[in-house]
Amino acid sequence: MKDIANQAKQDFIKLKESKPLIHHITNFVVMNETANITLAAGALPVMAHANEEVEEMGTMARALVLNIGTLWPQLIDNMI
């Protein structure tokens, strides 16, 4: 158990040092909360939903968070 805790600590240190850009495609209900959690973890959130932004964000972001709790047609297209 101690090894897991030490590894988690090291991973969070690396996360805070690297400050990766995380692209969130999510609904408006949880957008603020997910941005704050991402910031608290040491990463940089971006919530780009426009068709014109999604492709570029895909090349810049280090990770993608998809929230499929509340979907609408444009959001589905952008996720694909």
C-alpha atoms as a PDB file:
ATOM      1  CA  MET A   1       0.000   0.000   0.000  1.00  0.00           C
ATOM      2  CA  LYS A   2       2.870   2.347   0.773  1.00  0.00           C
ATOM      3  CA  ASP A   3       4.249   1.862  -2.744  1.00  0.00           C
ATOM      4  CA  ILE A   4       0.937   2.910  -4.273  1.00  0.00           C
ATOM      5  CA  ALA A   5       0.789   6.032  -2.101  1.00  0.00           C
ATOM      6  CA  ASN A   6       4.370   6.947  -2.992  1.00  0.00           C
ATOM      7  CA  GLN A   7       3.692   6.413  -6.692  1.00  0.00           C
ATOM      8  CA  ALA A   8       0.551   8.574  -6.520  1.00  0.00           C
ATOM      9  CA  LYS A   9       2.543  11.316  -4.795  1.00  0.00           C
ATOM     10  CA  GLN A  10       5.248  11.192  -7.470  1.00  0.00           C
ATOM     11  CA  ASP A  11       2.626  11.240 -10.229  1.00  0.00           C
ATOM     12  CA  PHE A  12       0.990  14.366  -8.773  1.00  0.00           C
ATOM     13  CA  ILE A  13       4.380  16.058  -8.528  1.00  0.00           C
ATOM     14  CA  LYS A  14       5.034  15.279 -12.209  1.00  0.00           C
ATOM     15  CA  LEU A  15       1.564  16.536 -13.131  1.00  0.00           C
ATOM     16  CA  LYS A  16       2.078  19.847 -11.338  1.00  0.00           C
ATOM     17  CA  GLU A  17       5.522  20.288 -12.915  1.00  0.00           C
ATOM     18  CA  SER A  18       4.387  19.563 -16.468  1.00  0.00           C
ATOM     19  CA  LYS A  19       1.078  21.513 -16.291  1.00  0.00           C
ATOM     20  CA  PRO A  20      -0.509  19.630 -19.201  1.00  0.00           C
ATOM     21  CA  LEU A  21      -3.321  21.160 -21.237  1.00  0.00           C
ATOM     22  CA  ILE A  22      -6.467  19.049 -20.782  1.00  0.00           C
ATOM     23  CA  HIS A  23      -9.277  19.437 -23.327  1.00  0.00           C
ATOM     24  CA  HIS A  24     -12.736  18.926 -21.829  1.00  0.00           C
ATOM     25  CA  ILE A  25     -15.735  18.260 -24.047  1.00  0.00           C
ATOM     26  CA  THR A  26     -18.432  18.332 -21.442  1.00  0.00           C
ATOM     27  CA  ASN A  27     -21.859  19.727 -20.748  1.00  0.00           C
ATOM     28  CA  PHE A  28     -22.406  23.144 -19.227  1.00  0.00           C
ATOM     29  CA  VAL A  29     -23.753  21.708 -15.965  1.00  0.00           C
ATOM     30  CA  VAL A  30     -20.373  20.410 -14.763  1.00  0.00           C
ATOM     31  CA  MET A  31     -18.004  22.636 -16.742  1.00  0.00           C
ATOM     32  CA  ASN A  32     -16.985  24.876 -13.841  1.00  0.00           C
ATOM     33  CA  GLU A  33     -16.447  21.949 -11.475  1.00  0.00           C
ATOM     34  CA  THR A  34     -14.312  19.969 -13.919  1.00  0.00           C
ATOM     35  CA  ALA A  35     -12.216  23.050 -14.680  1.00  0.00           C
ATOM     36  CA  ASN A  36     -11.612  23.632 -10.972  1.00  0.00           C
ATOM     37  CA  ILE A  37     -10.687  19.990 -10.348  1.00  0.00           C
ATOM     38  CA  THR A  38      -8.255  20.071 -13.264  1.00  0.00           C
ATOM     39  CA  LEU A  39      -6.655  23.258 -11.931  1.00  0.00           C
ATOM     40  CA  ALA A  40      -6.425  21.814  -8.415  1.00  0.00           C
ATOM     41  CA  ALA A  41      -4.625  18.766  -9.809  1.00  0.00           C
ATOM     42  CA  GLY A  42      -2.052  21.035 -11.455  1.00  0.00           C
ATOM     43  CA  ALA A  43      -3.193  20.841 -15.066  1.00  0.00           C
ATOM     44  CA  LEU A  44      -4.632  23.499 -17.377  1.00  0.00           C
ATOM     45  CA  PRO A  45      -8.235  23.019 -18.525  1.00  0.00           C
ATOM     46  CA  VAL A  46      -9.670  24.191 -21.813  1.00  0.00           C
ATOM     47  CA  MET A  47     -13.339  23.830 -22.710  1.00  0.00           C
ATOM     48  CA  ALA A  48     -13.486  24.203 -26.481  1.00  0.00           C
ATOM     49  CA  HIS A  49     -16.801  23.150 -27.992  1.00  0.00           C
ATOM     50  CA  ALA A  50     -16.939  25.038 -31.287  1.00  0.00           C
ATOM     51  CA  ASN A  51     -16.439  22.929 -34.402  1.00  0.00           C
ATOM     52  CA  GLU A  52     -13.666  25.292 -35.484  1.00  0.00           C
ATOM     53  CA  GLU A  53     -11.723  24.749 -32.238  1.00  0.00           C
ATOM     54  CA  VAL A  54     -12.013  21.034 -31.601  1.00  0.00           C
ATOM     55  CA  GLU A  55      -9.526  19.797 -34.201  1.00  0.00           C
ATOM     56  CA  GLU A  56      -6.845  22.268 -33.107  1.00  0.00           C
ATOM     57  CA  MET A  57      -7.365  21.409 -29.445  1.00  0.00           C
ATOM     58  CA  GLY A  58      -6.898  17.753 -30.327  1.00  0.00           C
ATOM     59  CA  THR A  59      -3.382  18.500 -31.522  1.00  0.00           C
ATOM     60  CA  MET A  60      -2.463  20.736 -28.570  1.00  0.00           C
ATOM     61  CA  ALA A  61      -3.953  18.958 -25.555  1.00  0.00           C
ATOM     62  CA  ARG A  62      -2.162  16.206 -23.650  1.00  0.00           C
ATOM     63  CA  ALA A  63      -5.443  14.543 -22.619  1.00  0.00           C
ATOM     64  CA  LEU A  64      -9.146  14.580 -23.413  1.00  0.00           C
ATOM     65  CA  VAL A  65     -12.043  14.398 -20.965  1.00  0.00           C
ATOM     66  CA  LEU A  66     -15.439  13.445 -22.402  1.00  0.00           C
ATOM     67  CA  ASN A  67     -18.631  13.824 -20.382  1.00  0.00           C
ATOM     68  CA  ILE A  68     -21.558  12.082 -22.009  1.00  0.00           C
ATOM     69  CA  GLY A  69     -24.124  12.790 -19.306  1.00  0.00           C
ATOM     70  CA  THR A  70     -26.073  15.341 -21.365  1.00  0.00           C
ATOM     71  CA  LEU A  71     -25.584  15.101 -25.106  1.00  0.00           C
ATOM     72  CA  TRP A  72     -26.691  17.259 -28.018  1.00  0.00           C
ATOM     73  CA  PRO A  73     -25.895  16.791 -31.744  1.00  0.00           C
ATOM     74  CA  GLN A  74     -22.966  19.242 -32.012  1.00  0.00           C
ATOM     75  CA  LEU A  75     -21.333  17.826 -28.885  1.00  0.00           C
ATOM     76  CA  ILE A  76     -21.577  14.295 -30.278  1.00  0.00           C
ATOM     77  CA  ASP A  77     -20.017  15.423 -33.579  1.00  0.00           C
ATOM     78  CA  ASN A  78     -17.154  17.105 -31.739  1.00  0.00           C
ATOM     79  CA  MET A  79     -16.492  14.014 -29.639  1.00  0.00           C
ATOM     80  CA  ILE A  80     -16.146  11.909 -32.769  1.00  0.00           C
END
